């Protein structure tokens, strides 16, 4: 029983060593065994980039539009109802 346990432990460590070998991150199948990609250490990860905020925020430019023009609507029939002329 001890011999079987030691052989299983050595086989497990060998499998872990094979899985930990650096390779392409998209390689899920390694030697016929499905293994998730292993990324080792921060040496493969670029440092984060921090961008400074802008110095000042400029306000939006104002747009002064003239008031909308009023239009004269002449008198007319709206179905069975008479609508006298009016400004819109």
PDB file of N, CA and C in Angstrom:
ATOM      1  N   UNK A   1       0.820  -1.191   0.000  1.00  0.00           N
ATOM      2  CA  UNK A   1       0.000   0.000   0.000  1.00  0.00           C
ATOM      3  C   UNK A   1       0.866   1.258   0.000  1.00  0.00           C
ATOM      4  N   UNK A   2       1.979   1.225   0.766  1.00  0.00           N
ATOM      5  CA  UNK A   2       2.865   2.384   0.794  1.00  0.00           C
ATOM      6  C   UNK A   2       3.488   2.633  -0.577  1.00  0.00           C
ATOM      7  N   UNK A   3       3.823   1.536  -1.255  1.00  0.00           N
ATOM      8  CA  UNK A   3       4.438   1.671  -2.568  1.00  0.00           C
ATOM      9  C   UNK A   3       3.461   2.305  -3.562  1.00  0.00           C
ATOM     10  N   UNK A   4       2.179   1.913  -3.519  1.00  0.00           N
ATOM     11  CA  UNK A   4       1.152   2.481  -4.405  1.00  0.00           C
ATOM     12  C   UNK A   4       0.952   3.969  -4.110  1.00  0.00           C
ATOM     13  N   UNK A   5       0.957   4.321  -2.844  1.00  0.00           N
ATOM     14  CA  UNK A   5       0.793   5.728  -2.462  1.00  0.00           C
ATOM     15  C   UNK A   5       1.974   6.555  -2.942  1.00  0.00           C
ATOM     16  N   UNK A   6       3.193   6.032  -2.810  1.00  0.00           N
ATOM     17  CA  UNK A   6       4.365   6.796  -3.247  1.00  0.00           C
ATOM     18  C   UNK A   6       4.389   6.935  -4.769  1.00  0.00           C
ATOM     19  N   UNK A   7       3.991   5.903  -5.508  1.00  0.00           N
ATOM     20  CA  UNK A   7       3.934   5.986  -6.969  1.00  0.00           C
ATOM     21  C   UNK A   7       2.872   6.991  -7.398  1.00  0.00           C
ATOM     22  N   UNK A   8       1.734   6.985  -6.734  1.00  0.00           N
ATOM     23  CA  UNK A   8       0.667   7.947  -7.056  1.00  0.00           C
ATOM     24  C   UNK A   8       1.123   9.366  -6.751  1.00  0.00           C
ATOM     25  N   UNK A   9       1.842   9.565  -5.651  1.00  0.00           N
ATOM     26  CA  UNK A   9       2.329  10.900  -5.300  1.00  0.00           C
ATOM     27  C   UNK A   9       3.349  11.381  -6.330  1.00  0.00           C
ATOM     28  N   UNK A  10       4.249  10.524  -6.755  1.00  0.00           N
ATOM     29  CA  UNK A  10       5.251  10.909  -7.759  1.00  0.00           C
ATOM     30  C   UNK A  10       4.573  11.211  -9.091  1.00  0.00           C
ATOM     31  N   UNK A  11       3.588  10.412  -9.475  1.00  0.00           N
ATOM     32  CA  UNK A  11       2.864  10.664 -10.726  1.00  0.00           C
ATOM     33  C   UNK A  11       2.096  11.983 -10.652  1.00  0.00           C
ATOM     34  N   UNK A  12       1.536  12.265  -9.499  1.00  0.00           N
ATOM     35  CA  UNK A  12       0.815  13.535  -9.327  1.00  0.00           C
ATOM     36  C   UNK A  12       1.750  14.726  -9.417  1.00  0.00           C
ATOM     37  N   UNK A  13       2.927  14.628  -8.782  1.00  0.00           N
ATOM     38  CA  UNK A  13       3.897  15.718  -8.871  1.00  0.00           C
ATOM     39  C   UNK A  13       4.417  15.888 -10.294  1.00  0.00           C
ATOM     40  N   UNK A  14       4.597  14.788 -11.000  1.00  0.00           N
ATOM     41  CA  UNK A  14       5.037  14.875 -12.397  1.00  0.00           C
ATOM     42  C   UNK A  14       3.976  15.555 -13.254  1.00  0.00           C
ATOM     43  N   UNK A  15       2.707  15.207 -13.026  1.00  0.00           N
ATOM     44  CA  UNK A  15       1.619  15.848 -13.788  1.00  0.00           C
ATOM     45  C   UNK A  15       1.546  17.336 -13.482  1.00  0.00           C
ATOM     46  N   UNK A  16       1.740  17.700 -12.222  1.00  0.00           N
ATOM     47  CA  UNK A  16       1.748  19.119 -11.856  1.00  0.00           C
ATOM     48  C   UNK A  16       2.909  19.845 -12.513  1.00  0.00           C
ATOM     49  N   UNK A  17       4.069  19.212 -12.571  1.00  0.00           N
ATOM     50  CA  UNK A  17       5.226  19.826 -13.218  1.00  0.00           C
ATOM     51  C   UNK A  17       5.010  20.040 -14.702  1.00  0.00           C
ATOM     52  N   UNK A  18       4.383  19.062 -15.358  1.00  0.00           N
ATOM     53  CA  UNK A  18       4.099  19.200 -16.786  1.00  0.00           C
ATOM     54  C   UNK A  18       3.090  20.323 -17.015  1.00  0.00           C
ATOM     55  N   UNK A  19       2.108  20.449 -16.139  1.00  0.00           N
ATOM     56  CA  UNK A  19       1.084  21.494 -16.296  1.00  0.00           C
ATOM     57  C   UNK A  19       1.661  22.873 -16.017  1.00  0.00           C
ATOM     58  N   UNK A  20       2.693  22.946 -15.168  1.00  0.00           N
ATOM     59  CA  UNK A  20       3.238  24.242 -14.784  1.00  0.00           C
ATOM     60  C   UNK A  20       4.282  24.762 -15.756  1.00  0.00           C
ATOM     61  N   UNK A  21       4.662  23.979 -16.758  1.00  0.00           N
ATOM     62  CA  UNK A  21       5.649  24.432 -17.731  1.00  0.00           C
ATOM     63  C   UNK A  21       5.061  25.594 -18.516  1.00  0.00           C
ATOM     64  N   UNK A  22       5.782  26.726 -18.643  1.00  0.00           N
ATOM     65  CA  UNK A  22       5.244  27.869 -19.381  1.00  0.00           C
ATOM     66  C   UNK A  22       4.963  27.510 -20.845  1.00  0.00           C
ATOM     67  N   UNK A  23       3.809  27.905 -21.317  1.00  0.00           N
ATOM     68  CA  UNK A  23       3.406  27.664 -22.696  1.00  0.00           C
ATOM     69  C   UNK A  23       2.337  28.679 -23.056  1.00  0.00           C
ATOM     70  N   UNK A  24       1.832  28.611 -24.281  1.00  0.00           N
ATOM     71  CA  UNK A  24       0.785  29.545 -24.711  1.00  0.00           C
ATOM     72  C   UNK A  24      -0.416  29.436 -23.788  1.00  0.00           C
ATOM     73  N   UNK A  25      -1.006  30.588 -23.462  1.00  0.00           N
ATOM     74  CA  UNK A  25      -2.137  30.608 -22.540  1.00  0.00           C
ATOM     75  C   UNK A  25      -3.396  30.000 -23.152  1.00  0.00           C
ATOM     76  N   UNK A  26      -3.439  29.874 -24.481  1.00  0.00           N
ATOM     77  CA  UNK A  26      -4.643  29.326 -25.102  1.00  0.00           C
ATOM     78  C   UNK A  26      -4.554  27.816 -25.282  1.00  0.00           C
ATOM     79  N   UNK A  27      -3.503  27.172 -24.753  1.00  0.00           N
ATOM     80  CA  UNK A  27      -3.342  25.727 -24.910  1.00  0.00           C
ATOM     81  C   UNK A  27      -4.024  25.001 -23.755  1.00  0.00           C
ATOM     82  N   UNK A  28      -5.261  24.552 -23.967  1.00  0.00           N
ATOM     83  CA  UNK A  28      -6.010  23.844 -22.924  1.00  0.00           C
ATOM     84  C   UNK A  28      -5.723  22.357 -22.950  1.00  0.00           C
ATOM     85  N   UNK A  29      -5.261  21.846 -24.087  1.00  0.00           N
ATOM     86  CA  UNK A  29      -4.977  20.415 -24.178  1.00  0.00           C
ATOM     87  C   UNK A  29      -3.463  20.252 -24.190  1.00  0.00           C
ATOM     88  N   UNK A  30      -2.946  19.571 -23.190  1.00  0.00           N
ATOM     89  CA  UNK A  30      -1.502  19.395 -23.047  1.00  0.00           C
ATOM     90  C   UNK A  30      -1.238  17.908 -22.906  1.00  0.00           C
ATOM     91  N   UNK A  31      -0.593  17.306 -23.884  1.00  0.00           N
ATOM     92  CA  UNK A  31      -0.282  15.873 -23.875  1.00  0.00           C
ATOM     93  C   UNK A  31      -1.542  15.027 -23.755  1.00  0.00           C
ATOM     94  N   UNK A  32      -2.620  15.467 -24.397  1.00  0.00           N
ATOM     95  CA  UNK A  32      -3.852  14.704 -24.389  1.00  0.00           C
ATOM     96  C   UNK A  32      -4.689  14.891 -23.140  1.00  0.00           C
ATOM     97  N   UNK A  33      -4.261  15.733 -22.209  1.00  0.00           N
ATOM     98  CA  UNK A  33      -4.994  15.973 -20.963  1.00  0.00           C
ATOM     99  C   UNK A  33      -5.479  17.416 -20.984  1.00  0.00           C
ATOM    100  N   UNK A  34      -6.742  17.628 -20.635  1.00  0.00           N
ATOM    101  CA  UNK A  34      -7.296  18.981 -20.598  1.00  0.00           C
ATOM    102  C   UNK A  34      -6.819  19.649 -19.320  1.00  0.00           C
ATOM    103  N   UNK A  35      -6.026  20.710 -19.478  1.00  0.00           N
ATOM    104  CA  UNK A  35      -5.448  21.429 -18.345  1.00  0.00           C
ATOM    105  C   UNK A  35      -5.733  22.912 -18.551  1.00  0.00           C
ATOM    106  N   UNK A  36      -6.262  23.607 -17.549  1.00  0.00           N
ATOM    107  CA  UNK A  36      -6.464  25.051 -17.710  1.00  0.00           C
ATOM    108  C   UNK A  36      -5.116  25.752 -17.837  1.00  0.00           C
ATOM    109  N   UNK A  37      -5.066  26.889 -18.548  1.00  0.00           N
ATOM    110  CA  UNK A  37      -3.796  27.574 -18.731  1.00  0.00           C
ATOM    111  C   UNK A  37      -3.241  28.064 -17.390  1.00  0.00           C
ATOM    112  N   UNK A  38      -1.939  27.955 -17.241  1.00  0.00           N
ATOM    113  CA  UNK A  38      -1.274  28.364 -16.005  1.00  0.00           C
ATOM    114  C   UNK A  38      -0.415  29.575 -16.317  1.00  0.00           C
ATOM    115  N   UNK A  39      -0.631  30.652 -15.607  1.00  0.00           N
ATOM    116  CA  UNK A  39       0.186  31.850 -15.751  1.00  0.00           C
ATOM    117  C   UNK A  39       0.975  31.992 -14.469  1.00  0.00           C
ATOM    118  N   UNK A  40       2.287  32.056 -14.587  1.00  0.00           N
ATOM    119  CA  UNK A  40       3.143  32.034 -13.413  1.00  0.00           C
ATOM    120  C   UNK A  40       3.720  33.420 -13.170  1.00  0.00           C
ATOM    121  N   UNK A  41       3.494  33.920 -11.976  1.00  0.00           N
ATOM    122  CA  UNK A  41       4.155  35.119 -11.482  1.00  0.00           C
ATOM    123  C   UNK A  41       3.759  36.409 -12.166  1.00  0.00           C
ATOM    124  N   UNK A  42       4.110  37.521 -11.535  1.00  0.00           N
ATOM    125  CA  UNK A  42       3.782  38.834 -12.090  1.00  0.00           C
ATOM    126  C   UNK A  42       4.720  39.251 -13.217  1.00  0.00           C
ATOM    127  N   UNK A  43       5.733  38.427 -13.555  1.00  0.00           N
ATOM    128  CA  UNK A  43       6.660  38.789 -14.626  1.00  0.00           C
ATOM    129  C   UNK A  43       5.956  38.819 -15.977  1.00  0.00           C
ATOM    130  N   UNK A  44       4.858  38.062 -16.138  1.00  0.00           N
ATOM    131  CA  UNK A  44       4.157  38.010 -17.409  1.00  0.00           C
ATOM    132  C   UNK A  44       3.039  39.048 -17.503  1.00  0.00           C
ATOM    133  N   UNK A  45       2.767  39.747 -16.417  1.00  0.00           N
ATOM    134  CA  UNK A  45       1.674  40.716 -16.398  1.00  0.00           C
ATOM    135  C   UNK A  45       2.269  42.114 -16.404  1.00  0.00           C
ATOM    136  N   UNK A  46       1.909  42.952 -17.379  1.00  0.00           N
ATOM    137  CA  UNK A  46       2.450  44.308 -17.377  1.00  0.00           C
ATOM    138  C   UNK A  46       1.869  45.100 -16.208  1.00  0.00           C
ATOM    139  N   UNK A  47       2.607  46.067 -15.703  1.00  0.00           N
ATOM    140  CA  UNK A  47       2.093  46.862 -14.589  1.00  0.00           C
ATOM    141  C   UNK A  47       0.893  47.696 -15.040  1.00  0.00           C
ATOM    142  N   UNK A  48      -0.012  48.006 -14.128  1.00  0.00           N
ATOM    143  CA  UNK A  48      -1.175  48.820 -14.520  1.00  0.00           C
ATOM    144  C   UNK A  48      -0.751  50.236 -14.899  1.00  0.00           C
ATOM    145  N   UNK A  49      -1.507  50.839 -15.783  1.00  0.00           N
ATOM    146  CA  UNK A  49      -1.216  52.195 -16.236  1.00  0.00           C
ATOM    147  C   UNK A  49      -2.241  53.124 -15.609  1.00  0.00           C
ATOM    148  N   UNK A  50      -1.761  54.097 -14.868  1.00  0.00           N
ATOM    149  CA  UNK A  50      -2.632  55.082 -14.246  1.00  0.00           C
ATOM    150  C   UNK A  50      -2.524  56.388 -15.023  1.00  0.00           C
ATOM    151  N   UNK A  51      -3.652  56.896 -15.463  1.00  0.00           N
ATOM    152  CA  UNK A  51      -3.680  58.127 -16.229  1.00  0.00           C
ATOM    153  C   UNK A  51      -4.179  59.237 -15.313  1.00  0.00           C
ATOM    154  N   UNK A  52      -3.464  60.347 -15.302  1.00  0.00           N
ATOM    155  CA  UNK A  52      -3.862  61.478 -14.455  1.00  0.00           C
ATOM    156  C   UNK A  52      -5.139  62.112 -14.997  1.00  0.00           C
ATOM    157  N   UNK A  53      -6.008  62.581 -14.107  1.00  0.00           N
ATOM    158  CA  UNK A  53      -7.228  63.252 -14.578  1.00  0.00           C
ATOM    159  C   UNK A  53      -6.870  64.589 -15.222  1.00  0.00           C
ATOM    160  N   UNK A  54      -7.747  65.118 -16.055  1.00  0.00           N
ATOM    161  CA  UNK A  54      -7.451  66.414 -16.674  1.00  0.00           C
ATOM    162  C   UNK A  54      -7.329  67.502 -15.615  1.00  0.00           C
ATOM    163  N   UNK A  55      -6.571  68.537 -15.942  1.00  0.00           N
ATOM    164  CA  UNK A  55      -6.290  69.607 -14.978  1.00  0.00           C
ATOM    165  C   UNK A  55      -7.559  70.386 -14.665  1.00  0.00           C
ATOM    166  N   UNK A  56      -8.315  70.757 -15.685  1.00  0.00           N
ATOM    167  CA  UNK A  56      -9.525  71.540 -15.467  1.00  0.00           C
ATOM    168  C   UNK A  56     -10.599  71.077 -16.443  1.00  0.00           C
ATOM    169  N   UNK A  57     -11.819  71.131 -15.986  1.00  0.00           N
ATOM    170  CA  UNK A  57     -12.948  70.792 -16.842  1.00  0.00           C
ATOM    171  C   UNK A  57     -13.556  72.090 -17.363  1.00  0.00           C
ATOM    172  N   UNK A  58     -13.573  72.259 -18.674  1.00  0.00           N
ATOM    173  CA  UNK A  58     -14.154  73.455 -19.262  1.00  0.00           C
ATOM    174  C   UNK A  58     -15.669  73.284 -19.339  1.00  0.00           C
ATOM    175  N   UNK A  59     -16.430  74.338 -18.991  1.00  0.00           N
ATOM    176  CA  UNK A  59     -17.885  74.217 -19.083  1.00  0.00           C
ATOM    177  C   UNK A  59     -18.322  74.143 -20.551  1.00  0.00           C
ATOM    178  N   UNK A  60     -19.474  73.579 -20.758  1.00  0.00           N
ATOM    179  CA  UNK A  60     -20.019  73.491 -22.106  1.00  0.00           C
ATOM    180  C   UNK A  60     -20.344  74.896 -22.608  1.00  0.00           C
ATOM    181  N   UNK A  61     -20.115  75.164 -23.901  1.00  0.00           N
ATOM    182  CA  UNK A  61     -20.464  76.489 -24.424  1.00  0.00           C
ATOM    183  C   UNK A  61     -21.987  76.669 -24.422  1.00  0.00           C
ATOM    184  N   UNK A  62     -22.400  77.875 -24.128  1.00  0.00           N
ATOM    185  CA  UNK A  62     -23.829  78.174 -24.072  1.00  0.00           C
ATOM    186  C   UNK A  62     -24.338  78.493 -25.469  1.00  0.00           C
ATOM    187  N   UNK A  63     -25.559  78.096 -25.732  1.00  0.00           N
ATOM    188  CA  UNK A  63     -26.187  78.392 -27.005  1.00  0.00           C
ATOM    189  C   UNK A  63     -27.463  79.159 -26.698  1.00  0.00           C
ATOM    190  N   UNK A  64     -27.476  80.422 -27.113  1.00  0.00           N
ATOM    191  CA  UNK A  64     -28.650  81.257 -26.879  1.00  0.00           C
ATOM    192  C   UNK A  64     -29.509  81.228 -28.140  1.00  0.00           C
ATOM    193  N   UNK A  65     -30.573  80.469 -28.089  1.00  0.00           N
ATOM    194  CA  UNK A  65     -31.477  80.363 -29.230  1.00  0.00           C
ATOM    195  C   UNK A  65     -32.620  81.353 -29.049  1.00  0.00           C
ATOM    196  N   UNK A  66     -33.054  81.936 -30.135  1.00  0.00           N
ATOM    197  CA  UNK A  66     -34.212  82.828 -30.024  1.00  0.00           C
ATOM    198  C   UNK A  66     -35.454  82.007 -29.689  1.00  0.00           C
ATOM    199  N   UNK A  67     -36.456  82.634 -29.099  1.00  0.00           N
ATOM    200  CA  UNK A  67     -37.673  81.882 -28.796  1.00  0.00           C
ATOM    201  C   UNK A  67     -38.326  81.404 -30.099  1.00  0.00           C
ATOM    202  N   UNK A  68     -39.031  80.298 -30.058  1.00  0.00           N
ATOM    203  CA  UNK A  68     -39.639  79.788 -31.291  1.00  0.00           C
ATOM    204  C   UNK A  68     -40.678  80.773 -31.837  1.00  0.00           C
ATOM    205  N   UNK A  69     -40.751  80.818 -33.158  1.00  0.00           N
ATOM    206  CA  UNK A  69     -41.704  81.740 -33.796  1.00  0.00           C
ATOM    207  C   UNK A  69     -43.117  81.225 -33.602  1.00  0.00           C
ATOM    208  N   UNK A  70     -44.005  82.155 -33.360  1.00  0.00           N
ATOM    209  CA  UNK A  70     -45.416  81.787 -33.242  1.00  0.00           C
ATOM    210  C   UNK A  70     -46.031  81.852 -34.633  1.00  0.00           C
ATOM    211  N   UNK A  71     -46.896  80.903 -34.898  1.00  0.00           N
ATOM    212  CA  UNK A  71     -47.512  80.786 -36.217  1.00  0.00           C
ATOM    213  C   UNK A  71     -49.022  80.953 -36.053  1.00  0.00           C
ATOM    214  N   UNK A  72     -49.617  81.727 -36.974  1.00  0.00           N
ATOM    215  CA  UNK A  72     -51.063  81.896 -36.969  1.00  0.00           C
ATOM    216  C   UNK A  72     -51.723  80.696 -37.639  1.00  0.00           C
ATOM    217  N   UNK A  73     -52.620  80.054 -36.894  1.00  0.00           N
ATOM    218  CA  UNK A  73     -53.369  78.920 -37.429  1.00  0.00           C
ATOM    219  C   UNK A  73     -54.736  79.456 -37.831  1.00  0.00           C
ATOM    220  N   UNK A  74     -55.082  79.418 -39.119  1.00  0.00           N
ATOM    221  CA  UNK A  74     -56.362  79.977 -39.557  1.00  0.00           C
ATOM    222  C   UNK A  74     -57.535  79.133 -39.036  1.00  0.00           C
ATOM    223  N   UNK A  75     -58.703  79.719 -39.003  1.00  0.00           N
ATOM    224  CA  UNK A  75     -59.869  78.955 -38.550  1.00  0.00           C
ATOM    225  C   UNK A  75     -60.123  77.757 -39.477  1.00  0.00           C
ATOM    226  N   UNK A  76     -60.594  76.657 -38.868  1.00  0.00           N
ATOM    227  CA  UNK A  76     -60.791  75.444 -39.657  1.00  0.00           C
ATOM    228  C   UNK A  76     -61.754  74.512 -38.914  1.00  0.00           C
ATOM    229  N   UNK A  77     -62.206  73.520 -39.649  1.00  0.00           N
ATOM    230  CA  UNK A  77     -63.041  72.482 -39.052  1.00  0.00           C
ATOM    231  C   UNK A  77     -62.140  71.351 -38.566  1.00  0.00           C
ATOM    232  N   UNK A  78     -62.386  70.894 -37.336  1.00  0.00           N
ATOM    233  CA  UNK A  78     -61.682  69.726 -36.793  1.00  0.00           C
ATOM    234  C   UNK A  78     -62.742  68.669 -36.541  1.00  0.00           C
ATOM    235  N   UNK A  79     -63.001  67.861 -37.580  1.00  0.00           N
ATOM    236  CA  UNK A  79     -64.112  66.920 -37.499  1.00  0.00           C
ATOM    237  C   UNK A  79     -65.409  67.711 -37.488  1.00  0.00           C
ATOM    238  N   UNK A  80     -66.296  67.460 -36.515  1.00  0.00           N
ATOM    239  CA  UNK A  80     -67.559  68.203 -36.479  1.00  0.00           C
ATOM    240  C   UNK A  80     -67.442  69.522 -35.722  1.00  0.00           C
ATOM    241  N   UNK A  81     -66.235  69.904 -35.268  1.00  0.00           N
ATOM    242  CA  UNK A  81     -66.074  71.106 -34.436  1.00  0.00           C
ATOM    243  C   UNK A  81     -65.395  72.212 -35.214  1.00  0.00           C
ATOM    244  N   UNK A  82     -65.881  73.449 -35.027  1.00  0.00           N
ATOM    245  CA  UNK A  82     -65.289  74.629 -35.647  1.00  0.00           C
ATOM    246  C   UNK A  82     -64.237  75.181 -34.697  1.00  0.00           C
ATOM    247  N   UNK A  83     -63.003  75.345 -35.183  1.00  0.00           N
ATOM    248  CA  UNK A  83     -61.897  75.886 -34.394  1.00  0.00           C
ATOM    249  C   UNK A  83     -61.596  77.266 -34.932  1.00  0.00           C
ATOM    250  N   UNK A  84     -61.771  78.316 -34.097  1.00  0.00           N
ATOM    251  CA  UNK A  84     -61.448  79.669 -34.584  1.00  0.00           C
ATOM    252  C   UNK A  84     -59.937  79.836 -34.758  1.00  0.00           C
ATOM    253  N   UNK A  85     -59.539  80.841 -35.500  1.00  0.00           N
ATOM    254  CA  UNK A  85     -58.114  81.097 -35.724  1.00  0.00           C
ATOM    255  C   UNK A  85     -57.409  81.414 -34.400  1.00  0.00           C
ATOM    256  N   UNK A  86     -56.163  81.017 -34.290  1.00  0.00           N
ATOM    257  CA  UNK A  86     -55.416  81.258 -33.050  1.00  0.00           C
ATOM    258  C   UNK A  86     -53.924  81.203 -33.341  1.00  0.00           C
ATOM    259  N   UNK A  87     -53.145  81.751 -32.388  1.00  0.00           N
ATOM    260  CA  UNK A  87     -51.688  81.668 -32.478  1.00  0.00           C
ATOM    261  C   UNK A  87     -51.245  80.341 -31.862  1.00  0.00           C
ATOM    262  N   UNK A  88     -50.227  79.749 -32.420  1.00  0.00           N
ATOM    263  CA  UNK A  88     -49.744  78.483 -31.883  1.00  0.00           C
ATOM    264  C   UNK A  88     -48.934  78.699 -30.629  1.00  0.00           C
TER     265      UNK A  88
END
